[in-house]
Structure formats: C-alpha cells, structure tokens
Amino acid sequence: MRIVGVTGGVDTHADVHVAAAVDHNGRLLGVESFPATETGYEDLLGWLAGFGKVEQVGVEGTGSWGVGLSRFLADHDVTVVEVDRPNRQTRRKEGKSDPTDAVSAARAALSGTAT
C-alpha cells in the first residue's frame, strides 16, 4: 500500500538504527531495523520511500549515533528533525523499547513537538 506523505522516526544506536514510518495522521505503517552503515542508510531511506513520499524524518541523537544518518538524509533532500529522547520517567515505567522510541520520534516530528 503506497501512502502519500510519510514521516519517519529513528532510534539510533552504534550498530543498528530502528526506524518507524507513520502516515500523515500518525498511523503506524511499519517498523524495521537497519545497520548503521552507508548501505543501511540507503536501505532505510528506500524502505521509508516504499510507503510514499518521505516528508521528514525525526532522528534521536543527531549529534552522536545519528550524525551519519542525519547527514545522509540531508544529502538526499530529506528534512531531518532532531528529536529528544523520550522522558526518562515514562521510559522507566514502560521499559525501554527501540521500536516504541522510533514511533515516538516519527510522531514527534509529524506533530511539530520536535523541531
């Protein structure tokens, strides 16, 4: 199913990035993991584009683990939105989940709470 207007979200790590795709209403389209390599970045962007036009991608850690991905996306004319880590108190209650963090990053970028 091809959707118009896709927003991505990425929870970044040293070796693997977990990405989520949401539509223009914030509905989850999918979650997938990709290696934190140039090939992984290409695969991640291709995966997002499989859902429709990539409008923007919210990335956690644009100054650390996500710097390479952020540069790659910007070089491919994708708007990168820096997303803060989820609230630590909330994470403690619900537990750490890379897919959940990726979805949160996408929805934060989509809603404008991360700019």
Protein backbone atom coordinates (compact mmCIF):
# COMPACT_ATOMS: atom_id res chain seq x y z
CA MET A 1 0.00 0.00 0.00
CA ARG A 2 1.52 3.33 -1.07
CA ILE A 3 0.67 6.31 1.15
CA VAL A 4 1.24 9.97 0.28
CA GLY A 5 3.22 11.90 2.90
CA VAL A 6 5.32 9.61 5.08
CA THR A 7 7.17 10.69 8.22
CA GLY A 8 9.95 8.54 9.59
CA GLY A 9 11.37 8.23 13.07
CA VAL A 10 14.67 6.64 14.04
CA ASP A 11 16.03 5.42 17.37
CA THR A 12 19.78 5.44 16.75
CA HIS A 13 22.48 3.17 18.19
CA ALA A 14 26.12 2.43 17.42
CA ASP A 15 25.48 -0.63 15.25
CA VAL A 16 21.76 -0.65 14.38
CA HIS A 17 19.13 2.01 13.81
CA VAL A 18 15.45 1.19 14.38
CA ALA A 19 13.11 3.09 12.05
CA ALA A 20 9.37 3.62 12.07
CA ALA A 21 7.11 5.00 9.35
CA VAL A 22 3.83 6.83 10.02
CA ASP A 23 1.30 8.34 7.65
CA HIS A 24 0.02 11.95 7.73
CA ASN A 25 -2.37 11.04 10.58
CA GLY A 26 0.33 9.38 12.68
CA ARG A 27 -0.89 5.86 11.91
CA LEU A 28 1.91 3.32 12.13
CA LEU A 29 2.88 1.85 8.76
CA GLY A 30 5.83 -0.26 9.87
CA VAL A 31 8.96 -0.68 11.99
CA GLU A 32 12.27 -2.10 10.76
CA SER A 33 15.94 -2.29 11.84
CA PHE A 34 18.88 -1.30 9.64
CA PRO A 35 22.66 -1.43 10.09
CA ALA A 36 24.28 1.88 10.99
CA THR A 37 26.26 1.90 7.74
CA GLU A 38 26.04 3.72 4.41
CA THR A 39 24.25 0.71 2.91
CA GLY A 40 21.94 0.58 5.92
CA TYR A 41 21.10 4.29 5.44
CA GLU A 42 20.27 3.63 1.78
CA ASP A 43 18.08 0.68 2.75
CA LEU A 44 16.34 2.70 5.47
CA LEU A 45 15.51 5.55 3.09
CA GLY A 46 14.36 3.11 0.40
CA TRP A 47 12.15 1.33 2.93
CA LEU A 48 10.53 4.62 4.00
CA ALA A 49 10.05 5.67 0.37
CA GLY A 50 8.25 2.38 -0.24
CA PHE A 51 5.33 3.83 1.73
CA GLY A 52 5.21 7.12 -0.22
CA LYS A 53 6.94 10.48 -0.43
CA VAL A 54 9.22 10.93 2.59
CA GLU A 55 8.30 14.31 4.07
CA GLN A 56 10.65 14.30 7.05
CA VAL A 57 12.49 12.03 9.45
CA GLY A 58 12.75 12.54 13.19
CA VAL A 59 16.14 11.30 14.40
CA GLU A 60 17.24 10.78 18.00
CA GLY A 61 20.89 11.61 18.61
CA THR A 62 21.66 13.75 15.57
CA GLY A 63 24.88 14.83 17.30
CA SER A 64 26.05 11.33 18.25
CA TRP A 65 24.89 7.92 16.94
CA GLY A 66 22.57 9.57 14.42
CA VAL A 67 25.01 12.03 12.86
CA GLY A 68 25.88 9.82 9.88
CA LEU A 69 22.24 9.06 9.12
CA SER A 70 21.28 12.72 9.53
CA ARG A 71 23.93 13.81 7.04
CA PHE A 72 22.91 11.07 4.61
CA LEU A 73 19.25 12.08 4.75
CA ALA A 74 20.05 15.79 4.36
CA ASP A 75 22.28 14.97 1.37
CA HIS A 76 19.24 13.24 -0.17
CA ASP A 77 16.99 16.30 0.35
CA VAL A 78 15.10 14.80 3.29
CA THR A 79 14.20 17.16 6.13
CA VAL A 80 15.80 15.94 9.37
CA VAL A 81 14.12 16.82 12.66
CA GLU A 82 16.15 16.42 15.83
CA VAL A 83 14.13 14.52 18.42
CA ASP A 84 14.93 14.38 22.13
CA ARG A 85 14.99 11.06 23.93
CA PRO A 86 11.63 10.13 25.46
CA ASN A 87 11.00 11.26 29.01
CA ARG A 88 13.11 9.13 31.38
CA GLN A 89 10.30 8.79 33.91
CA THR A 90 7.94 7.47 31.23
CA ARG A 91 10.64 5.11 29.92
CA ARG A 92 11.21 3.74 33.43
CA LYS A 93 7.50 2.94 33.81
CA GLU A 94 7.04 1.43 30.36
CA GLY A 95 10.52 -0.01 29.82
CA LYS A 96 12.99 0.71 27.03
CA SER A 97 11.77 -0.24 23.58
CA ASP A 98 13.61 0.71 20.41
CA PRO A 99 10.51 0.29 18.20
CA THR A 100 8.43 2.41 20.58
CA ASP A 101 11.14 5.09 20.64
CA ALA A 102 11.26 5.11 16.82
CA VAL A 103 7.48 5.50 16.58
CA SER A 104 7.62 8.30 19.18
CA ALA A 105 10.33 10.05 17.15
CA ALA A 106 8.21 9.87 13.99
CA ARG A 107 5.11 11.20 15.74
CA ALA A 108 7.11 13.99 17.44
CA ALA A 109 8.43 15.11 14.04
CA LEU A 110 4.97 14.87 12.47
CA SER A 111 3.22 16.81 15.25
CA GLY A 112 5.84 19.54 15.40
CA THR A 113 6.70 18.89 19.06
CA ALA A 114 10.26 18.27 17.81
CA THR A 115 11.69 20.93 15.53
